[in-house]
Amino acid sequence: MERVSNRNTNGLTDALPDERIRRRVLEAVKGMSPRADAKWTLALHDSTNAPFASFDGQTIPFVQNTLVPAAQREASRVVTGELKNIDFIERKLTIIYPPTSKELDCLYDEALEDLLYERRRDLIQVTGRVLLDDQGSPRKIIDVSDIRDVDLSPLEISTVRHGEVSLRVAPALLLEPTLDDSQQLLCVENDELGITVFAPTREALLTELNEHLAMLWQEYAQARDDDLDDLALQLKQTLLARMTKAIHAA
């Protein structure tokens, strides 16, 4: 746990040389770690109450990168569908792909099995290598590396960090993600700040949102009034009323 907390990949391999055991431990760590936009962290203490590990919003990405080789990550794609069936013997789950209403078989590793016990007949996201049919639509997903529920709970944005831009947002911006018509992209919109952002996963959506808000700050809040038309000037005033510069924390 300490090596996960310190992002020590080599030390983690030394501590857990058996790949099967290492994968199961890391999948369990993912399950107890906060998601990217969570407002909490998890601190672990020993029997003397001394802290030895801490999990935050960067823990899940570290674990996922440790579990999945770079080449496999580059070839992977996220597909959202309705969970129809799980075959624990063949280690295969079947989802309904909304754009075509066709069934997709998804082949997963034994270590991911624990993720499936709590799933119901609702939308899930499967990450893996997608095989296409003659029409270019998905027909099967192999090398599945992640299975998760579609999380549409509100996003609360109180800070914005992208590159050298670090901002505080007050009051916090509350955005409710929805799914697009294809049900493959998460979307958030806000007319007041001119926000329209799409991404396949919640983590990617948060990254896109930070990038978009940083762009608005640079292009509008930092622009001269004379360079803006009436609508752009109104957006600038709204941004300045909601956001202030903060010291960038690494």
C-alpha atoms as a PDB file:
ATOM      1  CA  MET A   1       0.000   0.000   0.000  1.00  0.00           C
ATOM      2  CA  GLU A   2       2.877   2.355   0.760  1.00  0.00           C
ATOM      3  CA  ARG A   3       4.370   1.718  -2.667  1.00  0.00           C
ATOM      4  CA  VAL A   4       1.040   2.374  -4.348  1.00  0.00           C
ATOM      5  CA  SER A   5       0.790   5.600  -2.365  1.00  0.00           C
ATOM      6  CA  ASN A   6       4.304   6.634  -3.500  1.00  0.00           C
ATOM      7  CA  ARG A   7       3.614   5.607  -7.146  1.00  0.00           C
ATOM      8  CA  ASN A   8       6.527   3.178  -6.886  1.00  0.00           C
ATOM      9  CA  THR A   9       5.940   0.721  -9.743  1.00  0.00           C
ATOM     10  CA  ASN A  10       9.229  -1.168  -9.356  1.00  0.00           C
ATOM     11  CA  GLY A  11       8.844  -1.496  -5.605  1.00  0.00           C
ATOM     12  CA  LEU A  12       5.296  -2.734  -6.089  1.00  0.00           C
ATOM     13  CA  THR A  13       6.509  -5.475  -8.432  1.00  0.00           C
ATOM     14  CA  ASP A  14       9.171  -6.469  -5.891  1.00  0.00           C
ATOM     15  CA  ALA A  15       6.584  -6.668  -3.106  1.00  0.00           C
ATOM     16  CA  LEU A  16       4.096  -8.625  -5.240  1.00  0.00           C
ATOM     17  CA  PRO A  17       6.070 -10.580  -7.855  1.00  0.00           C
ATOM     18  CA  ASP A  18       3.135 -12.871  -8.715  1.00  0.00           C
ATOM     19  CA  GLU A  19       1.237 -11.009 -11.475  1.00  0.00           C
ATOM     20  CA  ARG A  20      -2.128 -12.613 -10.627  1.00  0.00           C
ATOM     21  CA  ILE A  21      -1.927 -11.617  -6.971  1.00  0.00           C
ATOM     22  CA  ARG A  22      -0.606  -8.155  -7.863  1.00  0.00           C
ATOM     23  CA  ARG A  23      -3.521  -7.579 -10.237  1.00  0.00           C
ATOM     24  CA  ARG A  24      -6.117  -8.647  -7.671  1.00  0.00           C
ATOM     25  CA  VAL A  25      -4.581  -6.414  -4.997  1.00  0.00           C
ATOM     26  CA  LEU A  26      -4.465  -3.442  -7.364  1.00  0.00           C
ATOM     27  CA  GLU A  27      -8.066  -3.975  -8.466  1.00  0.00           C
ATOM     28  CA  ALA A  28      -9.026  -3.919  -4.774  1.00  0.00           C
ATOM     29  CA  VAL A  29      -7.068  -0.665  -4.337  1.00  0.00           C
ATOM     30  CA  LYS A  30      -9.017   0.857  -7.249  1.00  0.00           C
ATOM     31  CA  GLY A  31     -12.243  -0.073  -5.516  1.00  0.00           C
ATOM     32  CA  MET A  32     -11.325   1.775  -2.308  1.00  0.00           C
ATOM     33  CA  SER A  33      -9.725   4.859  -3.905  1.00  0.00           C
ATOM     34  CA  PRO A  34     -11.485   8.185  -4.606  1.00  0.00           C
ATOM     35  CA  ARG A  35     -12.445   9.029  -8.177  1.00  0.00           C
ATOM     36  CA  ALA A  36     -10.834  11.973  -9.939  1.00  0.00           C
ATOM     37  CA  ASP A  37     -13.372  14.591  -8.785  1.00  0.00           C
ATOM     38  CA  ALA A  38     -13.871  13.267  -5.228  1.00  0.00           C
ATOM     39  CA  LYS A  39     -13.490  15.704  -2.324  1.00  0.00           C
ATOM     40  CA  TRP A  40     -11.951  13.131   0.004  1.00  0.00           C
ATOM     41  CA  THR A  41      -8.775  11.091   0.361  1.00  0.00           C
ATOM     42  CA  LEU A  42      -8.128   7.818   2.161  1.00  0.00           C
ATOM     43  CA  ALA A  43      -5.322   7.594   4.726  1.00  0.00           C
ATOM     44  CA  LEU A  44      -4.154   4.204   6.015  1.00  0.00           C
ATOM     45  CA  HIS A  45      -2.665   3.862   9.527  1.00  0.00           C
ATOM     46  CA  ASP A  46      -0.885   0.960  11.229  1.00  0.00           C
ATOM     47  CA  SER A  47      -1.647  -0.483  14.653  1.00  0.00           C
ATOM     48  CA  THR A  48       0.264   2.362  16.349  1.00  0.00           C
ATOM     49  CA  ASN A  49      -1.851   4.910  14.415  1.00  0.00           C
ATOM     50  CA  ALA A  50       1.120   5.953  12.269  1.00  0.00           C
ATOM     51  CA  PRO A  51       0.084   6.777   8.673  1.00  0.00           C
ATOM     52  CA  PHE A  52       1.811   4.732   5.981  1.00  0.00           C
ATOM     53  CA  ALA A  53      -0.225   5.339   2.811  1.00  0.00           C
ATOM     54  CA  SER A  54      -2.666   7.791   1.290  1.00  0.00           C
ATOM     55  CA  PHE A  55      -4.944   7.334  -1.730  1.00  0.00           C
ATOM     56  CA  ASP A  56      -6.208  10.345  -3.687  1.00  0.00           C
ATOM     57  CA  GLY A  57      -7.547  11.219  -7.128  1.00  0.00           C
ATOM     58  CA  GLN A  58      -4.256  10.154  -8.751  1.00  0.00           C
ATOM     59  CA  THR A  59      -4.282   6.636  -7.290  1.00  0.00           C
ATOM     60  CA  ILE A  60      -6.722   5.069  -9.760  1.00  0.00           C
ATOM     61  CA  PRO A  61      -4.866   6.402 -12.859  1.00  0.00           C
ATOM     62  CA  PHE A  62      -1.568   5.104 -11.407  1.00  0.00           C
ATOM     63  CA  VAL A  63      -3.069   1.686 -10.735  1.00  0.00           C
ATOM     64  CA  GLN A  64      -4.626   1.507 -14.185  1.00  0.00           C
ATOM     65  CA  ASN A  65      -1.348   2.464 -15.866  1.00  0.00           C
ATOM     66  CA  THR A  66       0.447  -0.166 -13.780  1.00  0.00           C
ATOM     67  CA  LEU A  67      -2.068  -2.858 -14.696  1.00  0.00           C
ATOM     68  CA  VAL A  68      -2.292  -2.134 -18.422  1.00  0.00           C
ATOM     69  CA  PRO A  69       0.827  -1.917 -20.647  1.00  0.00           C
ATOM     70  CA  ALA A  70       1.213   1.289 -22.661  1.00  0.00           C
ATOM     71  CA  ALA A  71       0.718  -0.482 -25.997  1.00  0.00           C
ATOM     72  CA  GLN A  72      -2.539  -2.006 -24.782  1.00  0.00           C
ATOM     73  CA  ARG A  73      -3.750   1.358 -23.445  1.00  0.00           C
ATOM     74  CA  GLU A  74      -3.127   2.974 -26.819  1.00  0.00           C
ATOM     75  CA  ALA A  75      -5.180   0.282 -28.572  1.00  0.00           C
ATOM     76  CA  SER A  76      -8.011   0.408 -26.044  1.00  0.00           C
ATOM     77  CA  ARG A  77     -11.357   2.102 -26.398  1.00  0.00           C
ATOM     78  CA  VAL A  78     -14.220   2.742 -23.984  1.00  0.00           C
ATOM     79  CA  VAL A  79     -17.620   1.314 -24.964  1.00  0.00           C
ATOM     80  CA  THR A  80     -20.798   2.028 -23.012  1.00  0.00           C
ATOM     81  CA  GLY A  81     -23.646  -0.476 -23.094  1.00  0.00           C
ATOM     82  CA  GLU A  82     -26.413  -2.139 -21.129  1.00  0.00           C
ATOM     83  CA  LEU A  83     -25.219  -5.176 -19.205  1.00  0.00           C
ATOM     84  CA  LYS A  84     -27.260  -8.157 -20.398  1.00  0.00           C
ATOM     85  CA  ASN A  85     -25.445 -11.269 -19.244  1.00  0.00           C
ATOM     86  CA  ILE A  86     -22.350 -12.493 -17.356  1.00  0.00           C
ATOM     87  CA  ASP A  87     -20.846 -15.916 -17.980  1.00  0.00           C
ATOM     88  CA  PHE A  88     -18.434 -16.538 -15.102  1.00  0.00           C
ATOM     89  CA  ILE A  89     -17.312 -19.881 -16.530  1.00  0.00           C
ATOM     90  CA  GLU A  90     -16.190 -18.472 -19.889  1.00  0.00           C
ATOM     91  CA  ARG A  91     -15.264 -15.118 -18.282  1.00  0.00           C
ATOM     92  CA  LYS A  92     -17.439 -13.299 -20.761  1.00  0.00           C
ATOM     93  CA  LEU A  93     -20.013 -10.561 -20.335  1.00  0.00           C
ATOM     94  CA  THR A  94     -22.507  -9.420 -22.945  1.00  0.00           C
ATOM     95  CA  ILE A  95     -23.640  -5.838 -23.362  1.00  0.00           C
ATOM     96  CA  ILE A  96     -26.153  -4.178 -25.682  1.00  0.00           C
ATOM     97  CA  TYR A  97     -24.398  -1.475 -27.743  1.00  0.00           C
ATOM     98  CA  PRO A  98     -26.936   1.411 -27.941  1.00  0.00           C
ATOM     99  CA  PRO A  99     -26.031   2.865 -31.396  1.00  0.00           C
ATOM    100  CA  THR A 100     -26.767  -0.483 -33.116  1.00  0.00           C
ATOM    101  CA  SER A 101     -28.807  -2.309 -30.436  1.00  0.00           C
ATOM    102  CA  LYS A 102     -26.548  -5.324 -31.092  1.00  0.00           C
ATOM    103  CA  GLU A 103     -24.998  -7.618 -28.515  1.00  0.00           C
ATOM    104  CA  LEU A 104     -21.254  -7.372 -27.875  1.00  0.00           C
ATOM    105  CA  ASP A 105     -19.293 -10.131 -26.160  1.00  0.00           C
ATOM    106  CA  CYS A 106     -16.571  -8.810 -23.851  1.00  0.00           C
ATOM    107  CA  LEU A 107     -13.799 -11.173 -22.735  1.00  0.00           C
ATOM    108  CA  TYR A 108     -12.292 -10.295 -19.367  1.00  0.00           C
ATOM    109  CA  ASP A 109      -9.492 -11.523 -17.124  1.00  0.00           C
ATOM    110  CA  GLU A 110     -10.208 -13.422 -13.900  1.00  0.00           C
ATOM    111  CA  ALA A 111      -8.859 -10.524 -11.821  1.00  0.00           C
ATOM    112  CA  LEU A 112     -11.731  -8.316 -13.016  1.00  0.00           C
ATOM    113  CA  GLU A 113     -14.368 -10.763 -11.784  1.00  0.00           C
ATOM    114  CA  ASP A 114     -14.825  -9.012  -8.441  1.00  0.00           C
ATOM    115  CA  LEU A 115     -15.923  -5.890 -10.300  1.00  0.00           C
ATOM    116  CA  LEU A 116     -18.892  -7.750 -11.757  1.00  0.00           C
ATOM    117  CA  TYR A 117     -20.582  -9.063  -8.616  1.00  0.00           C
ATOM    118  CA  GLU A 118     -22.222  -5.731  -7.771  1.00  0.00           C
ATOM    119  CA  ARG A 119     -23.286  -4.871 -11.327  1.00  0.00           C
ATOM    120  CA  ARG A 120     -26.957  -4.871 -12.252  1.00  0.00           C
ATOM    121  CA  ARG A 121     -28.805  -4.554 -15.572  1.00  0.00           C
ATOM    122  CA  ASP A 122     -27.828  -0.944 -16.163  1.00  0.00           C
ATOM    123  CA  LEU A 123     -25.260   0.914 -18.208  1.00  0.00           C
ATOM    124  CA  ILE A 124     -21.609   0.002 -17.746  1.00  0.00           C
ATOM    125  CA  GLN A 125     -18.400   1.126 -19.431  1.00  0.00           C
ATOM    126  CA  VAL A 126     -16.032  -1.520 -20.757  1.00  0.00           C
ATOM    127  CA  THR A 127     -12.452  -0.613 -21.705  1.00  0.00           C
ATOM    128  CA  GLY A 128     -10.614  -2.963 -24.041  1.00  0.00           C
ATOM    129  CA  ARG A 129      -9.538  -3.685 -27.600  1.00  0.00           C
ATOM    130  CA  VAL A 130     -12.561  -3.366 -29.869  1.00  0.00           C
ATOM    131  CA  LEU A 131     -12.957  -5.618 -32.907  1.00  0.00           C
ATOM    132  CA  LEU A 132     -15.125  -4.139 -35.675  1.00  0.00           C
ATOM    133  CA  ASP A 133     -17.579  -5.688 -38.122  1.00  0.00           C
ATOM    134  CA  ASP A 134     -17.722  -4.986 -41.871  1.00  0.00           C
ATOM    135  CA  GLN A 135     -19.752  -1.813 -41.237  1.00  0.00           C
ATOM    136  CA  GLY A 136     -17.143  -0.439 -38.816  1.00  0.00           C
ATOM    137  CA  SER A 137     -19.291  -1.008 -35.721  1.00  0.00           C
ATOM    138  CA  PRO A 138     -18.015  -2.874 -32.626  1.00  0.00           C
ATOM    139  CA  ARG A 139     -18.719  -6.626 -32.637  1.00  0.00           C
ATOM    140  CA  LYS A 140     -16.510  -7.874 -29.784  1.00  0.00           C
ATOM    141  CA  ILE A 141     -14.259  -6.464 -27.048  1.00  0.00           C
ATOM    142  CA  ILE A 142     -11.132  -8.403 -26.067  1.00  0.00           C
ATOM    143  CA  ASP A 143      -8.297  -7.705 -23.617  1.00  0.00           C
ATOM    144  CA  VAL A 144     -10.771  -5.980 -21.281  1.00  0.00           C
ATOM    145  CA  SER A 145      -8.815  -3.877 -18.780  1.00  0.00           C
ATOM    146  CA  ASP A 146     -11.581  -2.056 -16.903  1.00  0.00           C
ATOM    147  CA  ILE A 147     -15.301  -2.424 -16.149  1.00  0.00           C
ATOM    148  CA  ARG A 148     -17.230   0.278 -14.335  1.00  0.00           C
ATOM    149  CA  ASP A 149     -20.711   1.719 -13.874  1.00  0.00           C
ATOM    150  CA  VAL A 150     -21.630   4.881 -15.764  1.00  0.00           C
ATOM    151  CA  ASP A 151     -21.366   7.609 -13.101  1.00  0.00           C
ATOM    152  CA  LEU A 152     -23.760  10.502 -13.763  1.00  0.00           C
ATOM    153  CA  SER A 153     -23.571  12.036 -10.303  1.00  0.00           C
ATOM    154  CA  PRO A 154     -23.003  15.828 -10.263  1.00  0.00           C
ATOM    155  CA  LEU A 155     -19.520  17.264 -10.780  1.00  0.00           C
ATOM    156  CA  GLU A 156     -18.598  19.926  -8.228  1.00  0.00           C
ATOM    157  CA  ILE A 157     -15.834  22.180  -9.563  1.00  0.00           C
ATOM    158  CA  SER A 158     -14.215  24.360  -6.892  1.00  0.00           C
ATOM    159  CA  THR A 159     -10.733  24.483  -8.457  1.00  0.00           C
ATOM    160  CA  VAL A 160      -9.432  24.556 -12.017  1.00  0.00           C
ATOM    161  CA  ARG A 161      -5.939  23.331 -12.871  1.00  0.00           C
ATOM    162  CA  HIS A 162      -4.514  23.084 -16.348  1.00  0.00           C
ATOM    163  CA  GLY A 163      -0.884  23.769 -17.247  1.00  0.00           C
ATOM    164  CA  GLU A 164       0.152  26.982 -15.524  1.00  0.00           C
ATOM    165  CA  VAL A 165      -3.442  28.027 -14.837  1.00  0.00           C
ATOM    166  CA  SER A 166      -4.690  27.482 -11.285  1.00  0.00           C
ATOM    167  CA  LEU A 167      -8.025  28.998 -10.270  1.00  0.00           C
ATOM    168  CA  ARG A 168     -10.498  28.933  -7.408  1.00  0.00           C
ATOM    169  CA  VAL A 169     -14.182  28.820  -8.282  1.00  0.00           C
ATOM    170  CA  ALA A 170     -16.663  30.356  -5.806  1.00  0.00           C
ATOM    171  CA  PRO A 171     -19.366  29.456  -5.441  1.00  0.00           C
ATOM    172  CA  ALA A 172     -18.406  26.021  -6.740  1.00  0.00           C
ATOM    173  CA  LEU A 173     -19.674  25.116 -10.179  1.00  0.00           C
ATOM    174  CA  LEU A 174     -22.177  22.246 -10.047  1.00  0.00           C
ATOM    175  CA  LEU A 175     -22.578  20.374 -13.334  1.00  0.00           C
ATOM    176  CA  GLU A 176     -24.755  17.343 -14.007  1.00  0.00           C
ATOM    177  CA  PRO A 177     -23.346  14.953 -16.639  1.00  0.00           C
ATOM    178  CA  THR A 178     -25.699  13.433 -19.194  1.00  0.00           C
ATOM    179  CA  LEU A 179     -25.198  10.921 -21.997  1.00  0.00           C
ATOM    180  CA  ASP A 180     -25.309  11.971 -25.645  1.00  0.00           C
ATOM    181  CA  ASP A 181     -27.732  10.355 -28.101  1.00  0.00           C
ATOM    182  CA  SER A 182     -25.305   7.510 -28.815  1.00  0.00           C
ATOM    183  CA  GLN A 183     -24.837   6.949 -25.060  1.00  0.00           C
ATOM    184  CA  GLN A 184     -21.083   6.747 -25.709  1.00  0.00           C
ATOM    185  CA  LEU A 185     -20.107  10.218 -24.473  1.00  0.00           C
ATOM    186  CA  LEU A 186     -20.617  11.999 -21.164  1.00  0.00           C
ATOM    187  CA  CYS A 187     -21.610  15.641 -21.622  1.00  0.00           C
ATOM    188  CA  VAL A 188     -21.809  18.729 -19.412  1.00  0.00           C
ATOM    189  CA  GLU A 189     -23.193  22.123 -20.384  1.00  0.00           C
ATOM    190  CA  ASN A 190     -23.506  25.491 -18.682  1.00  0.00           C
ATOM    191  CA  ASP A 191     -24.910  28.487 -20.559  1.00  0.00           C
ATOM    192  CA  GLU A 192     -23.701  31.038 -18.008  1.00  0.00           C
ATOM    193  CA  LEU A 193     -20.040  30.177 -18.621  1.00  0.00           C
ATOM    194  CA  GLY A 194     -20.381  28.950 -22.192  1.00  0.00           C
ATOM    195  CA  ILE A 195     -19.428  25.369 -21.304  1.00  0.00           C
ATOM    196  CA  THR A 196     -20.052  22.454 -23.663  1.00  0.00           C
ATOM    197  CA  VAL A 197     -17.719  19.519 -23.032  1.00  0.00           C
ATOM    198  CA  PHE A 198     -17.839  15.864 -24.146  1.00  0.00           C
ATOM    199  CA  ALA A 199     -15.675  12.860 -23.187  1.00  0.00           C
ATOM    200  CA  PRO A 200     -16.003   9.058 -23.011  1.00  0.00           C
ATOM    201  CA  THR A 201     -15.268   8.728 -19.266  1.00  0.00           C
ATOM    202  CA  ARG A 202     -15.793  10.789 -16.142  1.00  0.00           C
ATOM    203  CA  GLU A 203     -12.025  11.242 -15.667  1.00  0.00           C
ATOM    204  CA  ALA A 204     -11.589  12.406 -19.260  1.00  0.00           C
ATOM    205  CA  LEU A 205     -14.599  14.709 -18.854  1.00  0.00           C
ATOM    206  CA  LEU A 206     -12.996  16.340 -15.810  1.00  0.00           C
ATOM    207  CA  THR A 207      -9.730  16.824 -17.738  1.00  0.00           C
ATOM    208  CA  GLU A 208     -11.570  18.366 -20.695  1.00  0.00           C
ATOM    209  CA  LEU A 209     -13.557  20.597 -18.348  1.00  0.00           C
ATOM    210  CA  ASN A 210     -10.414  21.919 -16.654  1.00  0.00           C
ATOM    211  CA  GLU A 211      -8.842  22.580 -20.047  1.00  0.00           C
ATOM    212  CA  HIS A 212     -11.971  24.347 -21.300  1.00  0.00           C
ATOM    213  CA  LEU A 213     -12.325  26.566 -18.212  1.00  0.00           C
ATOM    214  CA  ALA A 214      -8.624  27.450 -18.345  1.00  0.00           C
ATOM    215  CA  MET A 215      -9.055  28.410 -22.006  1.00  0.00           C
ATOM    216  CA  LEU A 216     -12.063  30.636 -21.171  1.00  0.00           C
ATOM    217  CA  TRP A 217     -10.029  32.318 -18.430  1.00  0.00           C
ATOM    218  CA  GLN A 218      -7.102  33.005 -20.754  1.00  0.00           C
ATOM    219  CA  GLU A 219      -9.141  34.040 -23.811  1.00  0.00           C
ATOM    220  CA  TYR A 220     -11.848  36.094 -22.114  1.00  0.00           C
ATOM    221  CA  ALA A 221     -11.115  36.921 -18.461  1.00  0.00           C
ATOM    222  CA  GLN A 222      -7.575  38.061 -19.325  1.00  0.00           C
ATOM    223  CA  ALA A 223      -8.534  39.939 -22.531  1.00  0.00           C
ATOM    224  CA  ARG A 224      -8.855  43.713 -22.789  1.00  0.00           C
ATOM    225  CA  ASP A 225     -12.420  45.025 -22.771  1.00  0.00           C
ATOM    226  CA  ASP A 226     -11.827  46.804 -26.087  1.00  0.00           C
ATOM    227  CA  ASP A 227     -11.068  43.466 -27.770  1.00  0.00           C
ATOM    228  CA  LEU A 228     -14.397  41.896 -26.781  1.00  0.00           C
ATOM    229  CA  ASP A 229     -17.928  42.305 -28.132  1.00  0.00           C
ATOM    230  CA  ASP A 230     -20.915  42.634 -25.789  1.00  0.00           C
ATOM    231  CA  LEU A 231     -21.479  38.884 -25.318  1.00  0.00           C
ATOM    232  CA  ALA A 232     -17.777  38.189 -24.788  1.00  0.00           C
ATOM    233  CA  LEU A 233     -17.557  41.073 -22.300  1.00  0.00           C
ATOM    234  CA  GLN A 234     -20.492  39.653 -20.377  1.00  0.00           C
ATOM    235  CA  LEU A 235     -18.733  36.269 -20.242  1.00  0.00           C
ATOM    236  CA  LYS A 236     -15.552  37.969 -18.995  1.00  0.00           C
ATOM    237  CA  GLN A 237     -17.440  39.642 -16.160  1.00  0.00           C
ATOM    238  CA  THR A 238     -19.082  36.342 -15.204  1.00  0.00           C
ATOM    239  CA  LEU A 239     -15.719  34.559 -15.164  1.00  0.00           C
ATOM    240  CA  LEU A 240     -14.125  37.260 -13.015  1.00  0.00           C
ATOM    241  CA  ALA A 241     -17.057  37.111 -10.597  1.00  0.00           C
ATOM    242  CA  ARG A 242     -16.758  33.336 -10.181  1.00  0.00           C
ATOM    243  CA  MET A 243     -13.010  32.714 -10.465  1.00  0.00           C
ATOM    244  CA  THR A 244      -9.827  34.009  -8.841  1.00  0.00           C
ATOM    245  CA  LYS A 245      -6.203  33.047  -9.376  1.00  0.00           C
ATOM    246  CA  ALA A 246      -4.697  30.554  -6.957  1.00  0.00           C
ATOM    247  CA  ILE A 247      -1.174  29.406  -6.280  1.00  0.00           C
ATOM    248  CA  HIS A 248      -0.565  26.456  -8.565  1.00  0.00           C
ATOM    249  CA  ALA A 249       0.048  23.282  -6.597  1.00  0.00           C
ATOM    250  CA  ALA A 250       1.989  20.494  -8.243  1.00  0.00           C
END
